[in-house]
Amino acid sequence: HYTGPQWLQGKRIATSYPHILQKYLKEQDVKAQIHIITGSVEITPLI
């Protein structure tokens, strides 16, 4: 049940674009764990 950017607070986010993501999270005043993935990012929540 996603309620907005604050839902991401403290969450683990997988991405190949950490720089853009970090900038976005800072703008939203959200602190999350960024996991850099170079392969198939979309499968990371499933595992």
ModelCIF file with pLDDT and N, C-alpha, C, O atoms, coordinates in Angstrom:
data_MODEL
#
_entry.id   MODEL 
#
_entity.id                         1 
_entity.type                       polymer 
_entity.pdbx_number_of_molecules   1 
#
_entity_poly.entity_id                      1 
_entity_poly.type                           'polypeptide(L)' 
_entity_poly.nstd_linkage                   no 
_entity_poly.nstd_monomer                   no 
_entity_poly.pdbx_seq_one_letter_code       HYTGPQWLQGKRIATSYPHILQKYLKEQDVKAQIHIITGSVEITPLI 
_entity_poly.pdbx_seq_one_letter_code_can   HYTGPQWLQGKRIATSYPHILQKYLKEQDVKAQIHIITGSVEITPLI 
_entity_poly.pdbx_strand_id                 A 
#
loop_
_entity_poly_seq.entity_id 
_entity_poly_seq.num 
_entity_poly_seq.mon_id 
_entity_poly_seq.hetero 
1 1  HIS n 
1 2  TYR n 
1 3  THR n 
1 4  GLY n 
1 5  PRO n 
1 6  GLN n 
1 7  TRP n 
1 8  LEU n 
1 9  GLN n 
1 10 GLY n 
1 11 LYS n 
1 12 ARG n 
1 13 ILE n 
1 14 ALA n 
1 15 THR n 
1 16 SER n 
1 17 TYR n 
1 18 PRO n 
1 19 HIS n 
1 20 ILE n 
1 21 LEU n 
1 22 GLN n 
1 23 LYS n 
1 24 TYR n 
1 25 LEU n 
1 26 LYS n 
1 27 GLU n 
1 28 GLN n 
1 29 ASP n 
1 30 VAL n 
1 31 LYS n 
1 32 ALA n 
1 33 GLN n 
1 34 ILE n 
1 35 HIS n 
1 36 ILE n 
1 37 ILE n 
1 38 THR n 
1 39 GLY n 
1 40 SER n 
1 41 VAL n 
1 42 GLU n 
1 43 ILE n 
1 44 THR n 
1 45 PRO n 
1 46 LEU n 
1 47 ILE n 
#
_struct_asym.id          A 
_struct_asym.entity_id   1 
#
loop_
_ma_qa_metric.id 
_ma_qa_metric.mode 
_ma_qa_metric.name 
_ma_qa_metric.software_group_id 
_ma_qa_metric.type 
1 global pLDDT . pLDDT 
2 local  pLDDT . pLDDT 
#
_ma_qa_metric_global.metric_id      1 
_ma_qa_metric_global.metric_value   96.02 
_ma_qa_metric_global.model_id       1 
_ma_qa_metric_global.ordinal_id     1 
#
loop_
_ma_qa_metric_local.label_asym_id 
_ma_qa_metric_local.label_comp_id 
_ma_qa_metric_local.label_seq_id 
_ma_qa_metric_local.metric_id 
_ma_qa_metric_local.metric_value 
_ma_qa_metric_local.model_id 
_ma_qa_metric_local.ordinal_id 
A HIS 1  2 96.00 1 1  
A TYR 2  2 96.00 1 2  
A THR 3  2 95.00 1 3  
A GLY 4  2 96.00 1 4  
A PRO 5  2 97.00 1 5  
A GLN 6  2 97.00 1 6  
A TRP 7  2 97.00 1 7  
A LEU 8  2 97.00 1 8  
A GLN 9  2 98.00 1 9  
A GLY 10 2 97.00 1 10 
A LYS 11 2 97.00 1 11 
A ARG 12 2 98.00 1 12 
A ILE 13 2 98.00 1 13 
A ALA 14 2 98.00 1 14 
A THR 15 2 98.00 1 15 
A SER 16 2 96.00 1 16 
A TYR 17 2 97.00 1 17 
A PRO 18 2 97.00 1 18 
A HIS 19 2 97.00 1 19 
A ILE 20 2 98.00 1 20 
A LEU 21 2 98.00 1 21 
A GLN 22 2 98.00 1 22 
A LYS 23 2 97.00 1 23 
A TYR 24 2 98.00 1 24 
A LEU 25 2 98.00 1 25 
A LYS 26 2 97.00 1 26 
A GLU 27 2 97.00 1 27 
A GLN 28 2 97.00 1 28 
A ASP 29 2 97.00 1 29 
A VAL 30 2 97.00 1 30 
A LYS 31 2 97.00 1 31 
A ALA 32 2 97.00 1 32 
A GLN 33 2 97.00 1 33 
A ILE 34 2 97.00 1 34 
A HIS 35 2 97.00 1 35 
A ILE 36 2 96.00 1 36 
A ILE 37 2 94.00 1 37 
A THR 38 2 88.00 1 38 
A GLY 39 2 84.00 1 39 
A SER 40 2 90.00 1 40 
A VAL 41 2 95.00 1 41 
A GLU 42 2 94.00 1 42 
A ILE 43 2 95.00 1 43 
A THR 44 2 96.00 1 44 
A PRO 45 2 96.00 1 45 
A LEU 46 2 93.00 1 46 
A ILE 47 2 93.00 1 47 
#
loop_
_atom_site.group_PDB 
_atom_site.id 
_atom_site.type_symbol 
_atom_site.label_atom_id 
_atom_site.label_alt_id 
_atom_site.label_comp_id 
_atom_site.label_asym_id 
_atom_site.label_entity_id 
_atom_site.label_seq_id 
_atom_site.pdbx_PDB_ins_code 
_atom_site.Cartn_x 
_atom_site.Cartn_y 
_atom_site.Cartn_z 
_atom_site.occupancy 
_atom_site.B_iso_or_equiv 
_atom_site.pdbx_formal_charge 
_atom_site.auth_seq_id 
_atom_site.auth_comp_id 
_atom_site.auth_asym_id 
_atom_site.auth_atom_id 
_atom_site.pdbx_PDB_model_num 
ATOM 1   N N  . HIS A 1 1  ? 0.866  -1.189  0.000   1.00 96.00 ? 1  HIS A N  1 
ATOM 2   C CA . HIS A 1 1  ? 0.000  0.000   0.000   1.00 96.00 ? 1  HIS A CA 1 
ATOM 3   C C  . HIS A 1 1  ? 0.901  1.237   0.000   1.00 96.00 ? 1  HIS A C  1 
ATOM 4   O O  . HIS A 1 1  ? 1.265  1.760   1.053   1.00 96.00 ? 1  HIS A O  1 
ATOM 5   N N  . TYR A 1 2  ? 1.246  1.687   -1.195  1.00 96.00 ? 2  TYR A N  1 
ATOM 6   C CA . TYR A 1 2  ? 2.156  2.826   -1.329  1.00 96.00 ? 2  TYR A CA 1 
ATOM 7   C C  . TYR A 1 2  ? 1.392  4.118   -1.066  1.00 96.00 ? 2  TYR A C  1 
ATOM 8   O O  . TYR A 1 2  ? 0.344  4.355   -1.666  1.00 96.00 ? 2  TYR A O  1 
ATOM 9   N N  . THR A 1 3  ? 1.908  4.947   -0.177  1.00 95.00 ? 3  THR A N  1 
ATOM 10  C CA . THR A 1 3  ? 1.209  6.175   0.218   1.00 95.00 ? 3  THR A CA 1 
ATOM 11  C C  . THR A 1 3  ? 1.927  7.445   -0.200  1.00 95.00 ? 3  THR A C  1 
ATOM 12  O O  . THR A 1 3  ? 1.463  8.542   0.110   1.00 95.00 ? 3  THR A O  1 
ATOM 13  N N  . GLY A 1 4  ? 3.048  7.321   -0.898  1.00 96.00 ? 4  GLY A N  1 
ATOM 14  C CA . GLY A 1 4  ? 3.815  8.490   -1.294  1.00 96.00 ? 4  GLY A CA 1 
ATOM 15  C C  . GLY A 1 4  ? 5.283  8.294   -0.989  1.00 96.00 ? 4  GLY A C  1 
ATOM 16  O O  . GLY A 1 4  ? 5.667  7.269   -0.426  1.00 96.00 ? 4  GLY A O  1 
ATOM 17  N N  . PRO A 1 5  ? 6.124  9.278   -1.357  1.00 97.00 ? 5  PRO A N  1 
ATOM 18  C CA . PRO A 1 5  ? 7.574  9.131   -1.167  1.00 97.00 ? 5  PRO A CA 1 
ATOM 19  C C  . PRO A 1 5  ? 7.992  8.781   0.253   1.00 97.00 ? 5  PRO A C  1 
ATOM 20  O O  . PRO A 1 5  ? 9.008  8.112   0.443   1.00 97.00 ? 5  PRO A O  1 
ATOM 21  N N  . GLN A 1 6  ? 7.232  9.217   1.260   1.00 97.00 ? 6  GLN A N  1 
ATOM 22  C CA . GLN A 1 6  ? 7.606  8.917   2.645   1.00 97.00 ? 6  GLN A CA 1 
ATOM 23  C C  . GLN A 1 6  ? 7.519  7.422   2.955   1.00 97.00 ? 6  GLN A C  1 
ATOM 24  O O  . GLN A 1 6  ? 8.104  6.946   3.928   1.00 97.00 ? 6  GLN A O  1 
ATOM 25  N N  . TRP A 1 7  ? 6.785  6.691   2.120   1.00 97.00 ? 7  TRP A N  1 
ATOM 26  C CA . TRP A 1 7  ? 6.712  5.235   2.284   1.00 97.00 ? 7  TRP A CA 1 
ATOM 27  C C  . TRP A 1 7  ? 8.097  4.607   2.153   1.00 97.00 ? 7  TRP A C  1 
ATOM 28  O O  . TRP A 1 7  ? 8.357  3.543   2.715   1.00 97.00 ? 7  TRP A O  1 
ATOM 29  N N  . LEU A 1 8  ? 8.984  5.270   1.409   1.00 97.00 ? 8  LEU A N  1 
ATOM 30  C CA . LEU A 1 8  ? 10.326 4.756   1.148   1.00 97.00 ? 8  LEU A CA 1 
ATOM 31  C C  . LEU A 1 8  ? 11.275 4.915   2.338   1.00 97.00 ? 8  LEU A C  1 
ATOM 32  O O  . LEU A 1 8  ? 12.383 4.378   2.328   1.00 97.00 ? 8  LEU A O  1 
ATOM 33  N N  . GLN A 1 9  ? 10.840 5.649   3.358   1.00 98.00 ? 9  GLN A N  1 
ATOM 34  C CA . GLN A 1 9  ? 11.704 5.898   4.518   1.00 98.00 ? 9  GLN A CA 1 
ATOM 35  C C  . GLN A 1 9  ? 12.191 4.581   5.119   1.00 98.00 ? 9  GLN A C  1 
ATOM 36  O O  . GLN A 1 9  ? 11.397 3.729   5.519   1.00 98.00 ? 9  GLN A O  1 
ATOM 37  N N  . GLY A 1 10 ? 13.523 4.434   5.173   1.00 97.00 ? 10 GLY A N  1 
ATOM 38  C CA . GLY A 1 10 ? 14.122 3.244   5.766   1.00 97.00 ? 10 GLY A CA 1 
ATOM 39  C C  . GLY A 1 10 ? 14.069 2.003   4.905   1.00 97.00 ? 10 GLY A C  1 
ATOM 40  O O  . GLY A 1 10 ? 14.547 0.947   5.320   1.00 97.00 ? 10 GLY A O  1 
ATOM 41  N N  . LYS A 1 11 ? 13.496 2.102   3.708   1.00 97.00 ? 11 LYS A N  1 
ATOM 42  C CA . LYS A 1 11 ? 13.353 0.941   2.837   1.00 97.00 ? 11 LYS A CA 1 
ATOM 43  C C  . LYS A 1 11 ? 14.641 0.687   2.046   1.00 97.00 ? 11 LYS A C  1 
ATOM 44  O O  . LYS A 1 11 ? 15.507 1.555   1.937   1.00 97.00 ? 11 LYS A O  1 
ATOM 45  N N  . ARG A 1 12 ? 14.738 -0.523  1.500   1.00 98.00 ? 12 ARG A N  1 
ATOM 46  C CA . ARG A 1 12 ? 15.853 -0.905  0.632   1.00 98.00 ? 12 ARG A CA 1 
ATOM 47  C C  . ARG A 1 12 ? 15.416 -0.713  -0.827  1.00 98.00 ? 12 ARG A C  1 
ATOM 48  O O  . ARG A 1 12 ? 14.405 -1.263  -1.263  1.00 98.00 ? 12 ARG A O  1 
ATOM 49  N N  . ILE A 1 13 ? 16.198 0.077   -1.567  1.00 98.00 ? 13 ILE A N  1 
ATOM 50  C CA . ILE A 1 13 ? 15.837 0.355   -2.960  1.00 98.00 ? 13 ILE A CA 1 
ATOM 51  C C  . ILE A 1 13 ? 16.990 -0.106  -3.856  1.00 98.00 ? 13 ILE A C  1 
ATOM 52  O O  . ILE A 1 13 ? 18.127 0.334   -3.692  1.00 98.00 ? 13 ILE A O  1 
ATOM 53  N N  . ALA A 1 14 ? 16.689 -0.981  -4.788  1.00 98.00 ? 14 ALA A N  1 
ATOM 54  C CA . ALA A 1 14 ? 17.705 -1.481  -5.731  1.00 98.00 ? 14 ALA A CA 1 
ATOM 55  C C  . ALA A 1 14 ? 17.680 -0.644  -7.001  1.00 98.00 ? 14 ALA A C  1 
ATOM 56  O O  . ALA A 1 14 ? 16.606 -0.308  -7.501  1.00 98.00 ? 14 ALA A O  1 
ATOM 57  N N  . THR A 1 15 ? 18.852 -0.304  -7.526  1.00 98.00 ? 15 THR A N  1 
ATOM 58  C CA . THR A 1 15 ? 18.918 0.545   -8.717  1.00 98.00 ? 15 THR A CA 1 
ATOM 59  C C  . THR A 1 15 ? 20.277 0.469   -9.396  1.00 98.00 ? 15 THR A C  1 
ATOM 60  O O  . THR A 1 15 ? 21.277 0.094   -8.783  1.00 98.00 ? 15 THR A O  1 
ATOM 61  N N  . SER A 1 16 ? 20.292 0.830   -10.664 1.00 96.00 ? 16 SER A N  1 
ATOM 62  C CA . SER A 1 16 ? 21.540 1.039   -11.409 1.00 96.00 ? 16 SER A CA 1 
ATOM 63  C C  . SER A 1 16 ? 21.836 2.529   -11.533 1.00 96.00 ? 16 SER A C  1 
ATOM 64  O O  . SER A 1 16 ? 22.814 2.923   -12.167 1.00 96.00 ? 16 SER A O  1 
ATOM 65  N N  . TYR A 1 17 ? 20.982 3.358   -10.922 1.00 97.00 ? 17 TYR A N  1 
ATOM 66  C CA . TYR A 1 17 ? 21.115 4.818   -11.033 1.00 97.00 ? 17 TYR A CA 1 
ATOM 67  C C  . TYR A 1 17 ? 21.130 5.449   -9.638  1.00 97.00 ? 17 TYR A C  1 
ATOM 68  O O  . TYR A 1 17 ? 20.213 6.190   -9.282  1.00 97.00 ? 17 TYR A O  1 
ATOM 69  N N  . PRO A 1 18 ? 22.162 5.159   -8.854  1.00 97.00 ? 18 PRO A N  1 
ATOM 70  C CA . PRO A 1 18 ? 22.199 5.641   -7.466  1.00 97.00 ? 18 PRO A CA 1 
ATOM 71  C C  . PRO A 1 18 ? 22.290 7.161   -7.340  1.00 97.00 ? 18 PRO A C  1 
ATOM 72  O O  . PRO A 1 18 ? 21.738 7.736   -6.402  1.00 97.00 ? 18 PRO A O  1 
ATOM 73  N N  . HIS A 1 19 ? 22.984 7.817   -8.278  1.00 97.00 ? 19 HIS A N  1 
ATOM 74  C CA . HIS A 1 19 ? 23.163 9.268   -8.173  1.00 97.00 ? 19 HIS A CA 1 
ATOM 75  C C  . HIS A 1 19 ? 21.829 9.992   -8.318  1.00 97.00 ? 19 HIS A C  1 
ATOM 76  O O  . HIS A 1 19 ? 21.507 10.867  -7.514  1.00 97.00 ? 19 HIS A O  1 
ATOM 77  N N  . ILE A 1 20 ? 21.045 9.632   -9.345  1.00 98.00 ? 20 ILE A N  1 
ATOM 78  C CA . ILE A 1 20 ? 19.746 10.275  -9.563  1.00 98.00 ? 20 ILE A CA 1 
ATOM 79  C C  . ILE A 1 20 ? 18.802 9.947   -8.411  1.00 98.00 ? 20 ILE A C  1 
ATOM 80  O O  . ILE A 1 20 ? 18.059 10.809  -7.941  1.00 98.00 ? 20 ILE A O  1 
ATOM 81  N N  . LEU A 1 21 ? 18.835 8.690   -7.960  1.00 98.00 ? 21 LEU A N  1 
ATOM 82  C CA . LEU A 1 21 ? 17.959 8.285   -6.862  1.00 98.00 ? 21 LEU A CA 1 
ATOM 83  C C  . LEU A 1 21 ? 18.293 9.034   -5.581  1.00 98.00 ? 21 LEU A C  1 
ATOM 84  O O  . LEU A 1 21 ? 17.396 9.506   -4.882  1.00 98.00 ? 21 LEU A O  1 
ATOM 85  N N  . GLN A 1 22 ? 19.585 9.145   -5.270  1.00 98.00 ? 22 GLN A N  1 
ATOM 86  C CA . GLN A 1 22 ? 19.994 9.842   -4.043  1.00 98.00 ? 22 GLN A CA 1 
ATOM 87  C C  . GLN A 1 22 ? 19.539 11.297  -4.064  1.00 98.00 ? 22 GLN A C  1 
ATOM 88  O O  . GLN A 1 22 ? 19.090 11.829  -3.049  1.00 98.00 ? 22 GLN A O  1 
ATOM 89  N N  . LYS A 1 23 ? 19.656 11.935  -5.224  1.00 97.00 ? 23 LYS A N  1 
ATOM 90  C CA . LYS A 1 23 ? 19.217 13.326  -5.352  1.00 97.00 ? 23 LYS A CA 1 
ATOM 91  C C  . LYS A 1 23 ? 17.712 13.440  -5.118  1.00 97.00 ? 23 LYS A C  1 
ATOM 92  O O  . LYS A 1 23 ? 17.249 14.359  -4.442  1.00 97.00 ? 23 LYS A O  1 
ATOM 93  N N  . TYR A 1 24 ? 16.954 12.500  -5.682  1.00 98.00 ? 24 TYR A N  1 
ATOM 94  C CA . TYR A 1 24 ? 15.496 12.515  -5.507  1.00 98.00 ? 24 TYR A CA 1 
ATOM 95  C C  . TYR A 1 24 ? 15.114 12.313  -4.042  1.00 98.00 ? 24 TYR A C  1 
ATOM 96  O O  . TYR A 1 24 ? 14.271 13.036  -3.511  1.00 98.00 ? 24 TYR A O  1 
ATOM 97  N N  . LEU A 1 25 ? 15.732 11.333  -3.393  1.00 98.00 ? 25 LEU A N  1 
ATOM 98  C CA . LEU A 1 25 ? 15.417 11.059  -1.994  1.00 98.00 ? 25 LEU A CA 1 
ATOM 99  C C  . LEU A 1 25 ? 15.746 12.267  -1.100  1.00 98.00 ? 25 LEU A C  1 
ATOM 100 O O  . LEU A 1 25 ? 15.021 12.564  -0.151  1.00 98.00 ? 25 LEU A O  1 
ATOM 101 N N  . LYS A 1 26 ? 16.838 12.948  -1.418  1.00 97.00 ? 26 LYS A N  1 
ATOM 102 C CA . LYS A 1 26 ? 17.209 14.142  -0.645  1.00 97.00 ? 26 LYS A CA 1 
ATOM 103 C C  . LYS A 1 26 ? 16.153 15.227  -0.808  1.00 97.00 ? 26 LYS A C  1 
ATOM 104 O O  . LYS A 1 26 ? 15.789 15.902  0.154   1.00 97.00 ? 26 LYS A O  1 
ATOM 105 N N  . GLU A 1 27 ? 15.662 15.388  -2.044  1.00 97.00 ? 27 GLU A N  1 
ATOM 106 C CA . GLU A 1 27 ? 14.617 16.390  -2.296  1.00 97.00 ? 27 GLU A CA 1 
ATOM 107 C C  . GLU A 1 27 ? 13.338 16.062  -1.538  1.00 97.00 ? 27 GLU A C  1 
ATOM 108 O O  . GLU A 1 27 ? 12.603 16.963  -1.133  1.00 97.00 ? 27 GLU A O  1 
ATOM 109 N N  . GLN A 1 28 ? 13.072 14.767  -1.346  1.00 97.00 ? 28 GLN A N  1 
ATOM 110 C CA . GLN A 1 28 ? 11.866 14.338  -0.647  1.00 97.00 ? 28 GLN A CA 1 
ATOM 111 C C  . GLN A 1 28 ? 12.086 14.191  0.862   1.00 97.00 ? 28 GLN A C  1 
ATOM 112 O O  . GLN A 1 28 ? 11.169 13.815  1.592   1.00 97.00 ? 28 GLN A O  1 
ATOM 113 N N  . ASP A 1 29 ? 13.302 14.489  1.324   1.00 97.00 ? 29 ASP A N  1 
ATOM 114 C CA . ASP A 1 29 ? 13.663 14.346  2.737   1.00 97.00 ? 29 ASP A CA 1 
ATOM 115 C C  . ASP A 1 29 ? 13.423 12.916  3.227   1.00 97.00 ? 29 ASP A C  1 
ATOM 116 O O  . ASP A 1 29 ? 12.862 12.684  4.298   1.00 97.00 ? 29 ASP A O  1 
ATOM 117 N N  . VAL A 1 30 ? 13.870 11.974  2.403   1.00 97.00 ? 30 VAL A N  1 
ATOM 118 C CA . VAL A 1 30 ? 13.715 10.556  2.707   1.00 97.00 ? 30 VAL A CA 1 
ATOM 119 C C  . VAL A 1 30 ? 15.091 9.908   2.824   1.00 97.00 ? 30 VAL A C  1 
ATOM 120 O O  . VAL A 1 30 ? 15.964 10.149  1.990   1.00 97.00 ? 30 VAL A O  1 
ATOM 121 N N  . LYS A 1 31 ? 15.284 9.095   3.846   1.00 97.00 ? 31 LYS A N  1 
ATOM 122 C CA . LYS A 1 31 ? 16.511 8.324   3.999   1.00 97.00 ? 31 LYS A CA 1 
ATOM 123 C C  . LYS A 1 31 ? 16.188 6.856   3.756   1.00 97.00 ? 31 LYS A C  1 
ATOM 124 O O  . LYS A 1 31 ? 15.355 6.264   4.442   1.00 97.00 ? 31 LYS A O  1 
ATOM 125 N N  . ALA A 1 32 ? 16.864 6.286   2.767   1.00 97.00 ? 32 ALA A N  1 
ATOM 126 C CA . ALA A 1 32 ? 16.640 4.880   2.424   1.00 97.00 ? 32 ALA A CA 1 
ATOM 127 C C  . ALA A 1 32 ? 17.976 4.226   2.129   1.00 97.00 ? 32 ALA A C  1 
ATOM 128 O O  . ALA A 1 32 ? 18.983 4.905   1.929   1.00 97.00 ? 32 ALA A O  1 
ATOM 129 N N  . GLN A 1 33 ? 17.977 2.893   2.102   1.00 97.00 ? 33 GLN A N  1 
ATOM 130 C CA . GLN A 1 33 ? 19.184 2.143   1.776   1.00 97.00 ? 33 GLN A CA 1 
ATOM 131 C C  . GLN A 1 33 ? 19.221 1.900   0.266   1.00 97.00 ? 33 GLN A C  1 
ATOM 132 O O  . GLN A 1 33 ? 18.327 1.264   -0.292  1.00 97.00 ? 33 GLN A O  1 
ATOM 133 N N  . ILE A 1 34 ? 20.253 2.410   -0.376  1.00 97.00 ? 34 ILE A N  1 
ATOM 134 C CA . ILE A 1 34 ? 20.379 2.242   -1.821  1.00 97.00 ? 34 ILE A CA 1 
ATOM 135 C C  . ILE A 1 34 ? 21.310 1.076   -2.107  1.00 97.00 ? 34 ILE A C  1 
ATOM 136 O O  . ILE A 1 34 ? 22.470 1.080   -1.695  1.00 97.00 ? 34 ILE A O  1 
ATOM 137 N N  . HIS A 1 35 ? 20.792 0.074   -2.816  1.00 97.00 ? 35 HIS A N  1 
ATOM 138 C CA . HIS A 1 35 ? 21.598 -1.079  -3.215  1.00 97.00 ? 35 HIS A CA 1 
ATOM 139 C C  . HIS A 1 35 ? 21.858 -0.982  -4.715  1.00 97.00 ? 35 HIS A C  1 
ATOM 140 O O  . HIS A 1 35 ? 20.924 -1.007  -5.516  1.00 97.00 ? 35 HIS A O  1 
ATOM 141 N N  . ILE A 1 36 ? 23.129 -0.872  -5.089  1.00 96.00 ? 36 ILE A N  1 
ATOM 142 C CA . ILE A 1 36 ? 23.492 -0.733  -6.497  1.00 96.00 ? 36 ILE A CA 1 
ATOM 143 C C  . ILE A 1 36 ? 23.514 -2.105  -7.152  1.00 96.00 ? 36 ILE A C  1 
ATOM 144 O O  . ILE A 1 36 ? 24.262 -2.993  -6.743  1.00 96.00 ? 36 ILE A O  1 
ATOM 145 N N  . ILE A 1 37 ? 22.691 -2.262  -8.166  1.00 94.00 ? 37 ILE A N  1 
ATOM 146 C CA . ILE A 1 37 ? 22.563 -3.524  -8.901  1.00 94.00 ? 37 ILE A CA 1 
ATOM 147 C C  . ILE A 1 37 ? 22.847 -3.245  -10.371 1.00 94.00 ? 37 ILE A C  1 
ATOM 148 O O  . ILE A 1 37 ? 22.275 -2.314  -10.937 1.00 94.00 ? 37 ILE A O  1 
ATOM 149 N N  . THR A 1 38 ? 23.705 -4.020  -10.994 1.00 88.00 ? 38 THR A N  1 
ATOM 150 C CA . THR A 1 38 ? 24.027 -3.806  -12.402 1.00 88.00 ? 38 THR A CA 1 
ATOM 151 C C  . THR A 1 38 ? 23.270 -4.748  -13.327 1.00 88.00 ? 38 THR A C  1 
ATOM 152 O O  . THR A 1 38 ? 23.311 -4.593  -14.548 1.00 88.00 ? 38 THR A O  1 
ATOM 153 N N  . GLY A 1 39 ? 22.587 -5.713  -12.755 1.00 84.00 ? 39 GLY A N  1 
ATOM 154 C CA . GLY A 1 39 ? 21.876 -6.685  -13.582 1.00 84.00 ? 39 GLY A CA 1 
ATOM 155 C C  . GLY A 1 39 ? 20.386 -6.429  -13.630 1.00 84.00 ? 39 GLY A C  1 
ATOM 156 O O  . GLY A 1 39 ? 19.952 -5.301  -13.864 1.00 84.00 ? 39 GLY A O  1 
ATOM 157 N N  . SER A 1 40 ? 19.606 -7.464  -13.410 1.00 90.00 ? 40 SER A N  1 
ATOM 158 C CA . SER A 1 40 ? 18.151 -7.378  -13.497 1.00 90.00 ? 40 SER A CA 1 
ATOM 159 C C  . SER A 1 40 ? 17.581 -6.835  -12.185 1.00 90.00 ? 40 SER A C  1 
ATOM 160 O O  . SER A 1 40 ? 17.294 -7.585  -11.253 1.00 90.00 ? 40 SER A O  1 
ATOM 161 N N  . VAL A 1 41 ? 17.429 -5.531  -12.141 1.00 95.00 ? 41 VAL A N  1 
ATOM 162 C CA . VAL A 1 41 ? 16.960 -4.862  -10.926 1.00 95.00 ? 41 VAL A CA 1 
ATOM 163 C C  . VAL A 1 41 ? 15.561 -5.323  -10.543 1.00 95.00 ? 41 VAL A C  1 
ATOM 164 O O  . VAL A 1 41 ? 15.245 -5.427  -9.358  1.00 95.00 ? 41 VAL A O  1 
ATOM 165 N N  . GLU A 1 42 ? 14.714 -5.601  -11.541 1.00 94.00 ? 42 GLU A N  1 
ATOM 166 C CA . GLU A 1 42 ? 13.302 -5.865  -11.273 1.00 94.00 ? 42 GLU A CA 1 
ATOM 167 C C  . GLU A 1 42 ? 13.048 -7.144  -10.484 1.00 94.00 ? 42 GLU A C  1 
ATOM 168 O O  . GLU A 1 42 ? 11.962 -7.310  -9.928  1.00 94.00 ? 42 GLU A O  1 
ATOM 169 N N  . ILE A 1 43 ? 14.022 -8.052  -10.420 1.00 95.00 ? 43 ILE A N  1 
ATOM 170 C CA . ILE A 1 43 ? 13.787 -9.304  -9.683  1.00 95.00 ? 43 ILE A CA 1 
ATOM 171 C C  . ILE A 1 43 ? 14.154 -9.188  -8.206  1.00 95.00 ? 43 ILE A C  1 
ATOM 172 O O  . ILE A 1 43 ? 13.845 -10.091 -7.429  1.00 95.00 ? 43 ILE A O  1 
ATOM 173 N N  . THR A 1 44 ? 14.803 -8.106  -7.805  1.00 96.00 ? 44 THR A N  1 
ATOM 174 C CA . THR A 1 44 ? 15.307 -8.019  -6.425  1.00 96.00 ? 44 THR A CA 1 
ATOM 175 C C  . THR A 1 44 ? 14.212 -8.056  -5.360  1.00 96.00 ? 44 THR A C  1 
ATOM 176 O O  . THR A 1 44 ? 14.441 -8.644  -4.304  1.00 96.00 ? 44 THR A O  1 
ATOM 177 N N  . PRO A 1 45 ? 13.024 -7.456  -5.578  1.00 96.00 ? 45 PRO A N  1 
ATOM 178 C CA . PRO A 1 45 ? 11.989 -7.620  -4.542  1.00 96.00 ? 45 PRO A CA 1 
ATOM 179 C C  . PRO A 1 45 ? 11.504 -9.059  -4.415  1.00 96.00 ? 45 PRO A C  1 
ATOM 180 O O  . PRO A 1 45 ? 11.130 -9.493  -3.325  1.00 96.00 ? 45 PRO A O  1 
ATOM 181 N N  . LEU A 1 46 ? 11.510 -9.802  -5.522  1.00 93.00 ? 46 LEU A N  1 
ATOM 182 C CA . LEU A 1 46 ? 11.032 -11.186 -5.499  1.00 93.00 ? 46 LEU A CA 1 
ATOM 183 C C  . LEU A 1 46 ? 11.934 -12.089 -4.676  1.00 93.00 ? 46 LEU A C  1 
ATOM 184 O O  . LEU A 1 46 ? 11.472 -13.067 -4.087  1.00 93.00 ? 46 LEU A O  1 
ATOM 185 N N  . ILE A 1 47 ? 13.224 -11.762 -4.635  1.00 93.00 ? 47 ILE A N  1 
ATOM 186 C CA . ILE A 1 47 ? 14.163 -12.600 -3.883  1.00 93.00 ? 47 ILE A CA 1 
ATOM 187 C C  . ILE A 1 47 ? 14.587 -11.926 -2.571  1.00 93.00 ? 47 ILE A C  1 
ATOM 188 O O  . ILE A 1 47 ? 15.375 -12.491 -1.814  1.00 93.00 ? 47 ILE A O  1 
#
